[in-house]
Amino acid sequence: MSMAARRIIYRNRGGKLMHRALILLFSVNFIFAALPVAAANNVTPIPILVELFTSEGCSDCPPADAFLQKLDEQPVPGTEMVVLSEHVDYWNHDGWKDPYSSSFYTERQTVYAHIFDLPSAYTPQMVVDGTAQFVGSDLKAASKAFANAATAPKVEIRLSAISIEGTNTLRAHIETAALPEGQKGDVYAAIALNHAENQVSRGENAGRKISHSAVARSLTRIGSVEKNQPFARDLQLKLPADYRPSDLRLIAFIQKPHQGKVLGAAMQPLPAQ
């Protein structure tokens, strides 16, 4: 499907939500009410993986980017929002190339498009725990998805022994609990930039300053969890150049094969050198 067709299908929906999203970004308490009481009172926060497929070349994306930043502030009691901003590359036209974009994230989003039986990938798209998708500025849909995700059992992931070797190598240890009977999962590790801000000079967002949270700079499948078996591994990951370790975070999650349901997630900031 052509880019123009994607815009026709999704433009009106995203545009109608844009004004409402900007107003509600500063008052997300209505999301709390949709969560079960058990989640709000949970001593150990329930991790929820929130992926946002976005682009600096998409004029409908800034409200979703801002919403993800609010989620990164952990406003939902009883949960830990493990957010990840994945910048696609199919908006790199009209004179502006998103510096965080990659065909890898476009391919990951394309898999989700098939899973959710969508006519095409689109931005801004939010995917929650691999089980729900919606326009990334649709706060009502987000509230419903978070409520459902907060009731799902999660597999514990522990990140420890995080250190920086030299100038660009991350070392860490990851452990997970065993999966429920009969289940398997892929284990992923992501390095994300805590915060990014750009003044866009061309394209649909020309003249706008756009901010992002948890911008994915790498996403790697590091192994798999077999049924009834825990997972443990020492990680050695290359850090992106030109960033201080204190500007980055390590995210890990378990996802059913072929980008299915997310079974657990965790996030840790990287130490300053």
Protein backbone atom coordinates (compact mmCIF):
# COMPACT_ATOMS: atom_id res chain seq x y z
CA MET A 1 0.00 0.00 0.00
CA SER A 2 1.30 3.43 -0.91
CA MET A 3 2.19 6.11 1.64
CA ALA A 4 -0.69 8.22 0.35
CA ALA A 5 -3.11 5.37 0.95
CA ARG A 6 -1.81 4.91 4.48
CA ARG A 7 -2.40 8.60 5.10
CA ILE A 8 -5.98 8.40 3.75
CA ILE A 9 -6.84 5.46 5.98
CA TYR A 10 -5.37 6.79 9.20
CA ARG A 11 -5.10 10.56 8.84
CA ASN A 12 -8.65 11.42 9.84
CA ARG A 13 -8.65 9.17 12.86
CA GLY A 14 -5.31 10.44 14.10
CA GLY A 15 -6.19 14.07 13.35
CA LYS A 16 -9.45 13.95 15.31
CA LEU A 17 -7.58 12.62 18.33
CA MET A 18 -4.77 15.15 18.14
CA HIS A 19 -6.46 18.08 19.89
CA ARG A 20 -8.03 15.90 22.56
CA ALA A 21 -4.69 14.20 23.28
CA LEU A 22 -2.91 17.51 23.79
CA ILE A 23 -5.54 18.57 26.34
CA LEU A 24 -5.53 15.28 28.25
CA LEU A 25 -1.78 14.80 28.34
CA PHE A 26 -1.61 16.85 31.52
CA SER A 27 -4.43 14.95 33.23
CA VAL A 28 -4.13 11.19 32.78
CA ASN A 29 -5.91 10.31 36.00
CA PHE A 30 -8.77 8.82 34.03
CA ILE A 31 -6.41 5.98 33.10
CA PHE A 32 -6.02 5.11 36.78
CA ALA A 33 -9.75 4.53 37.20
CA ALA A 34 -9.77 1.84 34.52
CA LEU A 35 -7.14 -0.25 36.32
CA PRO A 36 -8.18 -3.01 38.70
CA VAL A 37 -7.90 -2.22 42.41
CA ALA A 38 -5.52 -5.17 42.79
CA ALA A 39 -3.10 -3.57 40.35
CA ALA A 40 -3.20 -0.19 42.06
CA ASN A 41 -2.50 -1.82 45.44
CA ASN A 42 0.16 -4.20 44.17
CA VAL A 43 3.39 -4.01 46.18
CA THR A 44 5.50 -5.16 43.23
CA PRO A 45 4.63 -3.06 40.18
CA ILE A 46 3.25 -4.96 37.21
CA PRO A 47 5.49 -4.35 34.17
CA ILE A 48 3.72 -3.32 30.95
CA LEU A 49 5.70 -3.03 27.72
CA VAL A 50 4.53 -0.04 25.67
CA GLU A 51 6.00 0.20 22.17
CA LEU A 52 5.41 3.35 20.13
CA PHE A 53 6.11 3.26 16.40
CA THR A 54 6.67 6.86 15.44
CA SER A 55 8.60 9.22 13.16
CA GLU A 56 9.73 12.83 13.19
CA GLY A 57 8.42 13.03 9.62
CA CYS A 58 4.82 12.30 10.68
CA SER A 59 2.70 15.31 11.67
CA ASP A 60 0.30 13.15 13.70
CA CYS A 61 3.09 11.71 15.86
CA PRO A 62 4.05 14.50 18.33
CA PRO A 63 0.96 14.00 20.58
CA ALA A 64 1.78 10.29 20.83
CA ASP A 65 5.44 11.10 21.55
CA ALA A 66 4.31 13.42 24.34
CA PHE A 67 1.94 10.77 25.72
CA LEU A 68 4.77 8.23 25.86
CA GLN A 69 6.85 10.76 27.81
CA LYS A 70 4.04 11.04 30.36
CA LEU A 71 3.91 7.25 30.67
CA ASP A 72 7.68 7.23 31.25
CA GLU A 73 7.04 9.33 34.36
CA GLN A 74 5.23 6.29 35.82
CA PRO A 75 1.82 7.88 36.46
CA VAL A 76 -0.16 4.63 36.73
CA PRO A 77 -0.26 3.18 40.28
CA GLY A 78 0.67 -0.47 40.62
CA THR A 79 2.37 -0.68 37.24
CA GLU A 80 5.78 -0.07 35.73
CA MET A 81 5.45 1.34 32.23
CA VAL A 82 8.41 -0.04 30.30
CA VAL A 83 8.23 2.30 27.31
CA LEU A 84 10.14 2.01 24.03
CA SER A 85 10.02 4.49 21.15
CA GLU A 86 10.78 2.72 17.85
CA HIS A 87 11.32 5.08 14.92
CA VAL A 88 10.38 3.74 11.50
CA ASP A 89 12.08 4.83 8.28
CA TYR A 90 9.20 5.05 5.77
CA TRP A 91 8.62 8.74 6.61
CA ASN A 92 12.15 9.72 5.60
CA HIS A 93 11.08 11.91 2.72
CA ASP A 94 10.19 15.56 2.07
CA GLY A 95 13.72 16.58 3.02
CA TRP A 96 13.78 15.26 6.61
CA LYS A 97 15.42 12.02 7.73
CA ASP A 98 14.57 10.96 11.27
CA PRO A 99 17.99 10.49 12.91
CA TYR A 100 16.64 7.66 15.09
CA SER A 101 14.89 5.75 12.32
CA SER A 102 15.81 2.27 11.17
CA SER A 103 14.45 -0.30 8.74
CA PHE A 104 14.69 -2.78 11.63
CA TYR A 105 11.84 -1.07 13.48
CA THR A 106 9.85 -0.79 10.26
CA GLU A 107 10.21 -4.55 9.84
CA ARG A 108 9.17 -5.17 13.45
CA GLN A 109 6.09 -3.01 12.94
CA THR A 110 5.28 -4.83 9.69
CA VAL A 111 5.16 -8.11 11.62
CA TYR A 112 2.67 -6.53 14.04
CA ALA A 113 0.60 -5.32 11.07
CA HIS A 114 0.24 -8.92 9.94
CA ILE A 115 -0.48 -10.16 13.46
CA PHE A 116 -3.24 -7.59 14.01
CA ASP A 117 -4.57 -8.08 10.46
CA LEU A 118 -4.09 -4.44 9.50
CA PRO A 119 -4.14 -3.25 5.89
CA SER A 120 -0.82 -1.48 6.46
CA ALA A 121 1.62 -0.26 9.07
CA TYR A 122 0.92 3.31 10.25
CA THR A 123 2.14 5.95 12.65
CA PRO A 124 1.71 6.75 15.42
CA GLN A 125 0.98 3.19 16.50
CA MET A 126 1.12 2.02 20.10
CA VAL A 127 1.42 -1.69 20.92
CA VAL A 128 0.85 -2.80 24.52
CA ASP A 129 2.34 -6.11 25.68
CA GLY A 130 2.15 -7.38 22.10
CA THR A 131 -1.60 -7.95 22.48
CA ALA A 132 -3.29 -4.60 21.75
CA GLN A 133 -2.66 -1.90 19.17
CA PHE A 134 -4.19 1.53 18.54
CA VAL A 135 -3.40 5.04 17.36
CA GLY A 136 -0.73 6.24 19.76
CA SER A 137 -2.63 9.36 20.83
CA ASP A 138 -5.88 7.49 21.59
CA LEU A 139 -5.96 7.74 25.39
CA LYS A 140 -9.26 5.87 25.71
CA ALA A 141 -7.84 2.86 23.87
CA ALA A 142 -4.67 3.15 25.95
CA SER A 143 -6.67 3.07 29.18
CA LYS A 144 -8.41 -0.15 28.12
CA ALA A 145 -5.17 -1.78 27.00
CA PHE A 146 -3.36 -0.88 30.24
CA ALA A 147 -6.24 -2.25 32.33
CA ASN A 148 -6.10 -5.56 30.49
CA ALA A 149 -2.31 -5.74 30.69
CA ALA A 150 -2.36 -5.06 34.44
CA THR A 151 -4.39 -8.23 35.05
CA ALA A 152 -2.12 -10.55 33.05
CA PRO A 153 0.38 -12.73 34.97
CA LYS A 154 3.98 -11.71 34.27
CA VAL A 155 7.24 -13.61 34.40
CA GLU A 156 9.86 -11.92 36.57
CA ILE A 157 12.98 -10.58 34.85
CA ARG A 158 15.99 -9.52 36.90
CA LEU A 159 18.76 -7.29 35.56
CA SER A 160 21.93 -7.09 37.64
CA ALA A 161 25.71 -6.55 37.55
CA ILE A 162 25.31 -3.68 35.10
CA SER A 163 28.63 -2.06 34.24
CA ILE A 164 30.37 -0.19 31.44
CA GLU A 165 33.60 -1.57 30.02
CA GLY A 166 35.77 0.88 28.18
CA THR A 167 33.76 3.51 26.36
CA ASN A 168 31.14 1.53 24.49
CA THR A 169 30.52 -1.91 25.97
CA LEU A 170 27.68 -2.74 28.34
CA ARG A 171 27.94 -5.78 30.56
CA ALA A 172 24.94 -7.07 32.51
CA HIS A 173 23.40 -10.24 33.86
CA ILE A 174 19.83 -11.23 33.07
CA GLU A 175 17.76 -13.89 34.78
CA THR A 176 14.15 -14.88 34.32
CA ALA A 177 11.80 -17.17 36.14
CA ALA A 178 10.53 -20.29 34.38
CA LEU A 179 7.62 -19.87 31.99
CA PRO A 180 4.24 -21.45 32.66
CA GLU A 181 3.68 -25.02 31.52
CA GLY A 182 3.91 -25.45 27.76
CA GLN A 183 5.03 -21.88 26.93
CA LYS A 184 8.13 -20.64 25.14
CA GLY A 185 9.48 -17.14 24.71
CA ASP A 186 12.14 -15.08 22.99
CA VAL A 187 14.29 -12.87 25.21
CA TYR A 188 15.13 -9.40 23.90
CA ALA A 189 17.47 -6.69 25.15
CA ALA A 190 17.21 -3.07 24.03
CA ILE A 191 19.43 -0.05 24.57
CA ALA A 192 17.36 3.14 24.60
CA LEU A 193 18.17 6.83 24.86
CA ASN A 194 16.40 8.29 27.89
CA HIS A 195 15.49 11.57 26.21
CA ALA A 196 15.92 13.13 22.79
CA GLU A 197 14.87 16.46 21.34
CA ASN A 198 15.15 17.78 17.80
CA GLN A 199 14.24 20.94 15.96
CA VAL A 200 12.76 19.64 12.71
CA SER A 201 13.57 21.89 9.77
CA ARG A 202 11.76 20.16 6.91
CA GLY A 203 8.90 17.82 6.14
CA GLU A 204 5.48 17.70 7.80
CA ASN A 205 6.85 18.85 11.18
CA ALA A 206 8.99 21.68 9.80
CA GLY A 207 9.55 24.35 12.45
CA ARG A 208 8.52 22.11 15.37
CA LYS A 209 10.68 21.01 18.28
CA ILE A 210 9.88 17.36 19.05
CA SER A 211 10.79 15.45 22.20
CA HIS A 212 11.03 11.70 22.67
CA SER A 213 11.47 9.25 25.54
CA ALA A 214 13.18 5.85 25.57
CA VAL A 215 14.32 5.99 21.95
CA ALA A 216 15.44 2.53 20.82
CA ARG A 217 19.03 2.57 19.56
CA SER A 218 19.34 -1.22 19.40
CA LEU A 219 17.03 -4.20 19.92
CA THR A 220 18.54 -7.68 20.01
CA ARG A 221 17.14 -11.16 20.49
CA ILE A 222 19.55 -12.71 22.98
CA GLY A 223 18.05 -16.15 23.46
CA SER A 224 14.94 -18.13 24.24
CA VAL A 225 13.21 -19.51 27.31
CA GLU A 226 12.07 -23.10 27.05
CA LYS A 227 9.08 -24.50 28.90
CA ASN A 228 9.59 -25.04 32.63
CA GLN A 229 13.15 -23.71 32.44
CA PRO A 230 14.52 -20.43 33.83
CA PHE A 231 16.87 -18.32 31.72
CA ALA A 232 20.19 -16.82 32.79
CA ARG A 233 22.85 -15.14 30.69
CA ASP A 234 25.65 -12.62 30.87
CA LEU A 235 25.15 -9.87 28.30
CA GLN A 236 27.73 -7.93 26.36
CA LEU A 237 26.15 -5.23 24.21
CA LYS A 238 27.68 -2.42 22.20
CA LEU A 239 26.54 1.03 23.25
CA PRO A 240 25.64 3.66 20.64
CA ALA A 241 28.32 6.24 19.99
CA ASP A 242 28.10 9.88 21.11
CA TYR A 243 26.01 9.19 24.24
CA ARG A 244 27.03 9.05 27.86
CA PRO A 245 26.00 5.81 29.60
CA SER A 246 23.96 7.87 32.08
CA ASP A 247 21.80 9.00 29.13
CA LEU A 248 20.85 5.41 28.33
CA ARG A 249 18.74 2.59 29.74
CA LEU A 250 18.65 -1.19 29.38
CA ILE A 251 15.29 -2.79 28.64
CA ALA A 252 14.64 -6.53 28.58
CA PHE A 253 11.49 -8.44 27.79
CA ILE A 254 10.20 -11.93 27.03
CA GLN A 255 7.85 -12.28 24.09
CA LYS A 256 6.14 -15.34 22.70
CA PRO A 257 7.70 -16.44 19.40
CA HIS A 258 6.82 -14.50 16.23
CA GLN A 259 6.17 -11.29 18.23
CA GLY A 260 3.35 -12.66 20.28
CA LYS A 261 2.26 -11.77 23.79
CA VAL A 262 4.83 -10.14 26.07
CA LEU A 263 5.28 -12.33 29.14
CA GLY A 264 7.49 -10.06 31.20
CA ALA A 265 9.58 -6.88 31.01
CA ALA A 266 12.13 -4.93 33.02
CA MET A 267 14.10 -1.69 32.77
CA GLN A 268 17.26 -0.38 34.44
CA PRO A 269 19.14 2.88 33.90
CA LEU A 270 22.81 2.59 33.01
CA PRO A 271 25.35 3.84 35.54
CA ALA A 272 27.36 6.95 34.98
CA GLN A 273 31.05 6.36 34.34
